[in-house]
Structures are given as structure tokens and as C-alpha cells.
PDB file of N, CA and C in Angstrom:
ATOM      1  N   UNK A   1      11.754-107.752 -60.841  1.00  0.00           N
ATOM      2  CA  UNK A   1      10.523-107.039 -60.709  1.00  0.00           C
ATOM      3  C   UNK A   1       9.735-107.189 -61.998  1.00  0.00           C
ATOM      4  N   UNK A   2       8.458-107.447 -61.850  1.00  0.00           N
ATOM      5  CA  UNK A   2       7.567-107.547 -62.993  1.00  0.00           C
ATOM      6  C   UNK A   2       6.317-106.733 -62.712  1.00  0.00           C
ATOM      7  N   UNK A   3       5.779-106.118 -63.761  1.00  0.00           N
ATOM      8  CA  UNK A   3       4.521-105.400 -63.646  1.00  0.00           C
ATOM      9  C   UNK A   3       3.646-105.800 -64.830  1.00  0.00           C
ATOM     10  N   UNK A   4       2.365-105.941 -64.550  1.00  0.00           N
ATOM     11  CA  UNK A   4       1.386-106.208 -65.588  1.00  0.00           C
ATOM     12  C   UNK A   4       0.229-105.238 -65.423  1.00  0.00           C
ATOM     13  N   UNK A   5      -0.230-104.654 -66.504  1.00  0.00           N
ATOM     14  CA  UNK A   5      -1.376-103.746 -66.477  1.00  0.00           C
ATOM     15  C   UNK A   5      -2.372-104.237 -67.511  1.00  0.00           C
ATOM     16  N   UNK A   6      -3.625-104.414 -67.082  1.00  0.00           N
ATOM     17  CA  UNK A   6      -4.703-104.798 -67.986  1.00  0.00           C
ATOM     18  C   UNK A   6      -5.755-103.701 -67.953  1.00  0.00           C
ATOM     19  N   UNK A   7      -6.101-103.168 -69.107  1.00  0.00           N
ATOM     20  CA  UNK A   7      -7.070-102.083 -69.194  1.00  0.00           C
ATOM     21  C   UNK A   7      -7.482-101.887 -70.647  1.00  0.00           C
ATOM     22  N   UNK A   8      -8.204-100.826 -70.932  1.00  0.00           N
ATOM     23  CA  UNK A   8      -8.634-100.541 -72.294  1.00  0.00           C
ATOM     24  C   UNK A   8      -7.434-100.256 -73.205  1.00  0.00           C
ATOM     25  N   UNK A   9      -7.459-100.793 -74.421  1.00  0.00           N
ATOM     26  CA  UNK A   9      -6.418-100.417 -75.392  1.00  0.00           C
ATOM     27  C   UNK A   9      -6.420 -98.900 -75.593  1.00  0.00           C
ATOM     28  N   UNK A  10      -5.234 -98.344 -75.746  1.00  0.00           N
ATOM     29  CA  UNK A  10      -5.104 -96.903 -75.930  1.00  0.00           C
ATOM     30  C   UNK A  10      -4.900 -96.118 -74.649  1.00  0.00           C
ATOM     31  N   UNK A  11      -5.057 -96.769 -73.502  1.00  0.00           N
ATOM     32  CA  UNK A  11      -4.840 -96.099 -72.221  1.00  0.00           C
ATOM     33  C   UNK A  11      -3.379 -95.677 -72.109  1.00  0.00           C
ATOM     34  N   UNK A  12      -3.171 -94.453 -71.635  1.00  0.00           N
ATOM     35  CA  UNK A  12      -1.813 -93.927 -71.475  1.00  0.00           C
ATOM     36  C   UNK A  12      -1.386 -94.040 -70.014  1.00  0.00           C
ATOM     37  N   UNK A  13      -0.209 -94.615 -69.808  1.00  0.00           N
ATOM     38  CA  UNK A  13       0.335 -94.853 -68.469  1.00  0.00           C
ATOM     39  C   UNK A  13       1.740 -94.262 -68.413  1.00  0.00           C
ATOM     40  N   UNK A  14       2.018 -93.544 -67.342  1.00  0.00           N
ATOM     41  CA  UNK A  14       3.350 -92.962 -67.137  1.00  0.00           C
ATOM     42  C   UNK A  14       4.047 -93.723 -66.018  1.00  0.00           C
ATOM     43  N   UNK A  15       5.194 -94.323 -66.324  1.00  0.00           N
ATOM     44  CA  UNK A  15       5.977 -95.045 -65.322  1.00  0.00           C
ATOM     45  C   UNK A  15       7.148 -94.182 -64.887  1.00  0.00           C
ATOM     46  N   UNK A  16       7.361 -94.117 -63.585  1.00  0.00           N
ATOM     47  CA  UNK A  16       8.480 -93.370 -63.008  1.00  0.00           C
ATOM     48  C   UNK A  16       8.497 -91.900 -63.435  1.00  0.00           C
ATOM     49  N   UNK A  17       7.332 -91.307 -63.554  1.00  0.00           N
ATOM     50  CA  UNK A  17       7.181 -89.875 -63.857  1.00  0.00           C
ATOM     51  C   UNK A  17       7.792 -89.472 -65.205  1.00  0.00           C
ATOM     52  N   UNK A  18       7.905 -90.410 -66.135  1.00  0.00           N
ATOM     53  CA  UNK A  18       8.380 -90.062 -67.477  1.00  0.00           C
ATOM     54  C   UNK A  18       7.351 -89.171 -68.155  1.00  0.00           C
ATOM     55  N   UNK A  19       7.807 -88.353 -69.073  1.00  0.00           N
ATOM     56  CA  UNK A  19       6.899 -87.445 -69.774  1.00  0.00           C
ATOM     57  C   UNK A  19       6.300 -88.080 -71.024  1.00  0.00           C
ATOM     58  N   UNK A  20       6.850 -89.187 -71.468  1.00  0.00           N
ATOM     59  CA  UNK A  20       6.311 -89.922 -72.614  1.00  0.00           C
ATOM     60  C   UNK A  20       5.600 -91.158 -72.077  1.00  0.00           C
ATOM     61  N   UNK A  21       4.308 -91.317 -72.398  1.00  0.00           N
ATOM     62  CA  UNK A  21       3.561 -92.434 -71.812  1.00  0.00           C
ATOM     63  C   UNK A  21       3.810 -93.754 -72.534  1.00  0.00           C
ATOM     64  N   UNK A  22       3.543 -94.831 -71.815  1.00  0.00           N
ATOM     65  CA  UNK A  22       3.370 -96.142 -72.413  1.00  0.00           C
ATOM     66  C   UNK A  22       1.907 -96.170 -72.843  1.00  0.00           C
ATOM     67  N   UNK A  23       1.635 -96.589 -74.069  1.00  0.00           N
ATOM     68  CA  UNK A  23       0.253 -96.678 -74.544  1.00  0.00           C
ATOM     69  C   UNK A  23      -0.103 -98.162 -74.649  1.00  0.00           C
ATOM     70  N   UNK A  24      -1.137 -98.551 -73.912  1.00  0.00           N
ATOM     71  CA  UNK A  24      -1.552 -99.952 -73.889  1.00  0.00           C
ATOM     72  C   UNK A  24      -2.026-100.351 -75.286  1.00  0.00           C
ATOM     73  N   UNK A  25      -1.515-101.482 -75.776  1.00  0.00           N
ATOM     74  CA  UNK A  25      -1.805-101.927 -77.137  1.00  0.00           C
ATOM     75  C   UNK A  25      -3.163-102.592 -77.306  1.00  0.00           C
ATOM     76  N   UNK A  26      -3.374-103.164 -78.470  1.00  0.00           N
ATOM     77  CA  UNK A  26      -4.663-103.718 -78.869  1.00  0.00           C
ATOM     78  C   UNK A  26      -5.153-104.851 -77.971  1.00  0.00           C
ATOM     79  N   UNK A  27      -4.244-105.574 -77.337  1.00  0.00           N
ATOM     80  CA  UNK A  27      -4.646-106.670 -76.456  1.00  0.00           C
ATOM     81  C   UNK A  27      -5.167-106.167 -75.114  1.00  0.00           C
ATOM     82  N   UNK A  28      -4.845-104.921 -74.763  1.00  0.00           N
ATOM     83  CA  UNK A  28      -5.232-104.385 -73.465  1.00  0.00           C
ATOM     84  C   UNK A  28      -4.320-104.837 -72.340  1.00  0.00           C
ATOM     85  N   UNK A  29      -3.203-105.446 -72.703  1.00  0.00           N
ATOM     86  CA  UNK A  29      -2.270-105.984 -71.703  1.00  0.00           C
ATOM     87  C   UNK A  29      -0.876-105.406 -71.929  1.00  0.00           C
ATOM     88  N   UNK A  30      -0.272-104.933 -70.843  1.00  0.00           N
ATOM     89  CA  UNK A  30       1.114-104.453 -70.883  1.00  0.00           C
ATOM     90  C   UNK A  30       1.880-105.208 -69.810  1.00  0.00           C
ATOM     91  N   UNK A  31       3.010-105.792 -70.177  1.00  0.00           N
ATOM     92  CA  UNK A  31       3.849-106.498 -69.217  1.00  0.00           C
ATOM     93  C   UNK A  31       5.286-106.013 -69.343  1.00  0.00           C
ATOM     94  N   UNK A  32       5.946-105.883 -68.199  1.00  0.00           N
ATOM     95  CA  UNK A  32       7.324-105.423 -68.170  1.00  0.00           C
ATOM     96  C   UNK A  32       8.074-106.197 -67.101  1.00  0.00           C
ATOM     97  N   UNK A  33       9.222-106.721 -67.458  1.00  0.00           N
ATOM     98  CA  UNK A  33      10.091-107.410 -66.515  1.00  0.00           C
ATOM     99  C   UNK A  33      11.448-106.721 -66.541  1.00  0.00           C
ATOM    100  N   UNK A  34      11.865-106.195 -65.406  1.00  0.00           N
ATOM    101  CA  UNK A  34      13.149-105.489 -65.341  1.00  0.00           C
ATOM    102  C   UNK A  34      13.984-105.993 -64.162  1.00  0.00           C
ATOM    103  N   UNK A  35      14.025-107.289 -63.981  1.00  0.00           N
ATOM    104  CA  UNK A  35      14.760-107.877 -62.871  1.00  0.00           C
ATOM    105  C   UNK A  35      16.181-107.343 -62.783  1.00  0.00           C
ATOM    106  N   UNK A  36      16.453-106.603 -61.720  1.00  0.00           N
ATOM    107  CA  UNK A  36      17.783-106.084 -61.465  1.00  0.00           C
ATOM    108  C   UNK A  36      18.202-104.919 -62.340  1.00  0.00           C
ATOM    109  N   UNK A  37      17.350-104.458 -63.233  1.00  0.00           N
ATOM    110  CA  UNK A  37      17.727-103.393 -64.155  1.00  0.00           C
ATOM    111  C   UNK A  37      17.204-102.020 -63.752  1.00  0.00           C
ATOM    112  N   UNK A  38      16.069-101.981 -63.065  1.00  0.00           N
ATOM    113  CA  UNK A  38      15.458-100.691 -62.727  1.00  0.00           C
ATOM    114  C   UNK A  38      14.510-100.859 -61.555  1.00  0.00           C
ATOM    115  N   UNK A  39      14.115 -99.744 -60.973  1.00  0.00           N
ATOM    116  CA  UNK A  39      13.111 -99.726 -59.910  1.00  0.00           C
ATOM    117  C   UNK A  39      11.876 -99.009 -60.416  1.00  0.00           C
ATOM    118  N   UNK A  40      10.728 -99.452 -59.978  1.00  0.00           N
ATOM    119  CA  UNK A  40       9.490 -98.770 -60.304  1.00  0.00           C
ATOM    120  C   UNK A  40       9.136 -97.883 -59.122  1.00  0.00           C
ATOM    121  N   UNK A  41       9.084 -96.577 -59.360  1.00  0.00           N
ATOM    122  CA  UNK A  41       8.816 -95.641 -58.267  1.00  0.00           C
ATOM    123  C   UNK A  41       7.432 -95.023 -58.338  1.00  0.00           C
ATOM    124  N   UNK A  42       6.804 -95.024 -59.531  1.00  0.00           N
ATOM    125  CA  UNK A  42       5.448 -94.477 -59.626  1.00  0.00           C
ATOM    126  C   UNK A  42       4.740 -94.974 -60.879  1.00  0.00           C
ATOM    127  N   UNK A  43       3.412 -95.046 -60.778  1.00  0.00           N
ATOM    128  CA  UNK A  43       2.542 -95.362 -61.908  1.00  0.00           C
ATOM    129  C   UNK A  43       1.467 -94.291 -61.924  1.00  0.00           C
ATOM    130  N   UNK A  44       1.330 -93.603 -63.054  1.00  0.00           N
ATOM    131  CA  UNK A  44       0.300 -92.579 -63.197  1.00  0.00           C
ATOM    132  C   UNK A  44      -0.446 -92.817 -64.497  1.00  0.00           C
ATOM    133  N   UNK A  45      -1.752 -92.533 -64.479  1.00  0.00           N
ATOM    134  CA  UNK A  45      -2.573 -92.682 -65.668  1.00  0.00           C
ATOM    135  C   UNK A  45      -2.961 -91.318 -66.193  1.00  0.00           C
ATOM    136  N   UNK A  46      -3.023 -91.194 -67.509  1.00  0.00           N
ATOM    137  CA  UNK A  46      -3.468 -89.982 -68.166  1.00  0.00           C
ATOM    138  C   UNK A  46      -4.905 -89.677 -67.727  1.00  0.00           C
ATOM    139  N   UNK A  47      -5.196 -88.413 -67.432  1.00  0.00           N
ATOM    140  CA  UNK A  47      -6.529 -88.029 -66.953  1.00  0.00           C
ATOM    141  C   UNK A  47      -7.629 -88.412 -67.930  1.00  0.00           C
ATOM    142  N   UNK A  48      -7.429 -88.149 -69.221  1.00  0.00           N
ATOM    143  CA  UNK A  48      -8.466 -88.497 -70.203  1.00  0.00           C
ATOM    144  C   UNK A  48      -8.677 -90.000 -70.272  1.00  0.00           C
ATOM    145  N   UNK A  49      -7.611 -90.780 -70.121  1.00  0.00           N
ATOM    146  CA  UNK A  49      -7.747 -92.233 -70.098  1.00  0.00           C
ATOM    147  C   UNK A  49      -8.610 -92.675 -68.927  1.00  0.00           C
ATOM    148  N   UNK A  50      -8.421 -92.069 -67.763  1.00  0.00           N
ATOM    149  CA  UNK A  50      -9.227 -92.419 -66.591  1.00  0.00           C
ATOM    150  C   UNK A  50     -10.689 -92.035 -66.777  1.00  0.00           C
ATOM    151  N   UNK A  51     -10.938 -90.904 -67.429  1.00  0.00           N
ATOM    152  CA  UNK A  51     -12.322 -90.497 -67.709  1.00  0.00           C
ATOM    153  C   UNK A  51     -12.979 -91.522 -68.638  1.00  0.00           C
ATOM    154  N   UNK A  52     -12.273 -91.912 -69.676  1.00  0.00           N
ATOM    155  CA  UNK A  52     -12.799 -92.894 -70.627  1.00  0.00           C
ATOM    156  C   UNK A  52     -13.113 -94.217 -69.932  1.00  0.00           C
ATOM    157  N   UNK A  53     -12.221 -94.676 -69.081  1.00  0.00           N
ATOM    158  CA  UNK A  53     -12.439 -95.916 -68.326  1.00  0.00           C
ATOM    159  C   UNK A  53     -13.642 -95.759 -67.399  1.00  0.00           C
ATOM    160  N   UNK A  54     -13.731 -94.632 -66.723  1.00  0.00           N
ATOM    161  CA  UNK A  54     -14.826 -94.388 -65.788  1.00  0.00           C
ATOM    162  C   UNK A  54     -16.184 -94.314 -66.451  1.00  0.00           C
ATOM    163  N   UNK A  55     -16.231 -93.877 -67.698  1.00  0.00           N
ATOM    164  CA  UNK A  55     -17.501 -93.753 -68.422  1.00  0.00           C
ATOM    165  C   UNK A  55     -17.929 -95.045 -69.108  1.00  0.00           C
ATOM    166  N   UNK A  56     -17.062 -96.037 -69.138  1.00  0.00           N
ATOM    167  CA  UNK A  56     -17.363 -97.300 -69.796  1.00  0.00           C
ATOM    168  C   UNK A  56     -17.636 -98.372 -68.741  1.00  0.00           C
ATOM    169  N   UNK A  57     -18.878 -98.872 -68.657  1.00  0.00           N
ATOM    170  CA  UNK A  57     -19.202 -99.852 -67.608  1.00  0.00           C
ATOM    171  C   UNK A  57     -18.469-101.184 -67.758  1.00  0.00           C
ATOM    172  N   UNK A  58     -17.907-101.455 -68.929  1.00  0.00           N
ATOM    173  CA  UNK A  58     -17.165-102.703 -69.141  1.00  0.00           C
ATOM    174  C   UNK A  58     -15.662-102.531 -69.021  1.00  0.00           C
ATOM    175  N   UNK A  59     -15.209-101.323 -68.684  1.00  0.00           N
ATOM    176  CA  UNK A  59     -13.776-101.048 -68.593  1.00  0.00           C
ATOM    177  C   UNK A  59     -13.268-101.307 -67.176  1.00  0.00           C
ATOM    178  N   UNK A  60     -11.972-101.504 -67.068  1.00  0.00           N
ATOM    179  CA  UNK A  60     -11.342-101.816 -65.791  1.00  0.00           C
ATOM    180  C   UNK A  60      -9.861-101.475 -65.859  1.00  0.00           C
ATOM    181  N   UNK A  61      -9.228-101.475 -64.697  1.00  0.00           N
ATOM    182  CA  UNK A  61      -7.772-101.373 -64.599  1.00  0.00           C
ATOM    183  C   UNK A  61      -7.334-102.420 -63.578  1.00  0.00           C
ATOM    184  N   UNK A  62      -6.467-103.300 -63.987  1.00  0.00           N
ATOM    185  CA  UNK A  62      -5.877-104.299 -63.093  1.00  0.00           C
ATOM    186  C   UNK A  62      -4.366-104.130 -63.165  1.00  0.00           C
ATOM    187  N   UNK A  63      -3.740-103.967 -61.999  1.00  0.00           N
ATOM    188  CA  UNK A  63      -2.284-103.833 -61.944  1.00  0.00           C
ATOM    189  C   UNK A  63      -1.728-104.971 -61.095  1.00  0.00           C
ATOM    190  N   UNK A  64      -0.829-105.739 -61.676  1.00  0.00           N
ATOM    191  CA  UNK A  64      -0.113-106.795 -60.960  1.00  0.00           C
ATOM    192  C   UNK A  64       1.333-106.357 -60.825  1.00  0.00           C
ATOM    193  N   UNK A  65       1.849-106.444 -59.602  1.00  0.00           N
ATOM    194  CA  UNK A  65       3.232-106.035 -59.340  1.00  0.00           C
ATOM    195  C   UNK A  65       3.891-107.140 -58.531  1.00  0.00           C
ATOM    196  N   UNK A  66       5.000-107.653 -59.023  1.00  0.00           N
ATOM    197  CA  UNK A  66       5.704-108.748 -58.345  1.00  0.00           C
ATOM    198  C   UNK A  66       7.175-108.376 -58.201  1.00  0.00           C
ATOM    199  N   UNK A  67       7.667-108.500 -56.995  1.00  0.00           N
ATOM    200  CA  UNK A  67       9.107-108.315 -56.816  1.00  0.00           C
ATOM    201  C   UNK A  67       9.598-109.180 -55.663  1.00  0.00           C
ATOM    202  N   UNK A  68      10.880-109.493 -55.689  1.00  0.00           N
ATOM    203  CA  UNK A  68      11.504-110.309 -54.654  1.00  0.00           C
ATOM    204  C   UNK A  68      12.602-109.504 -54.000  1.00  0.00           C
ATOM    205  N   UNK A  69      12.764-109.726 -52.709  1.00  0.00           N
ATOM    206  CA  UNK A  69      13.873-109.073 -52.006  1.00  0.00           C
ATOM    207  C   UNK A  69      15.044-110.001 -51.951  1.00  0.00           C
TER     208      UNK A  69
END
């Protein structure tokens, strides 16, 4: 399983309902590969991060999710 998230640097993302967020770095790209190690059950974004993205006409969120059965 692989996941890629592209968005504004500093955006906070919570994977699998964890209480500590992943913070998107300076490149604006986060990638994770956990083949056979874990399952992804949820993706949530911090409310303030979504407001910031929504107020910026050049901001976006792209999520790529790849897995094989």
C-alpha cells in the first residue's frame, strides 16, 4: 500500500485517527509505503489547515492511494 498527499506545506494530516498529525514538509509532498506492514483506515485533515487551503486560490489537496490485493 502506498499513499501520496500533495498540498500546502504545514498542512496537518491525521492517519488512522492518530492524535499526533503528520505535518506536510516544505516540498508539499508526503509519501508513505507500508506494503504488508499496516492498513490505512482513515485520513483526516486539521480544520485550520482546511480553512487555510480554502482561502488560498492557489492551494490544493491531491491524494493518491495505491494498493494491491
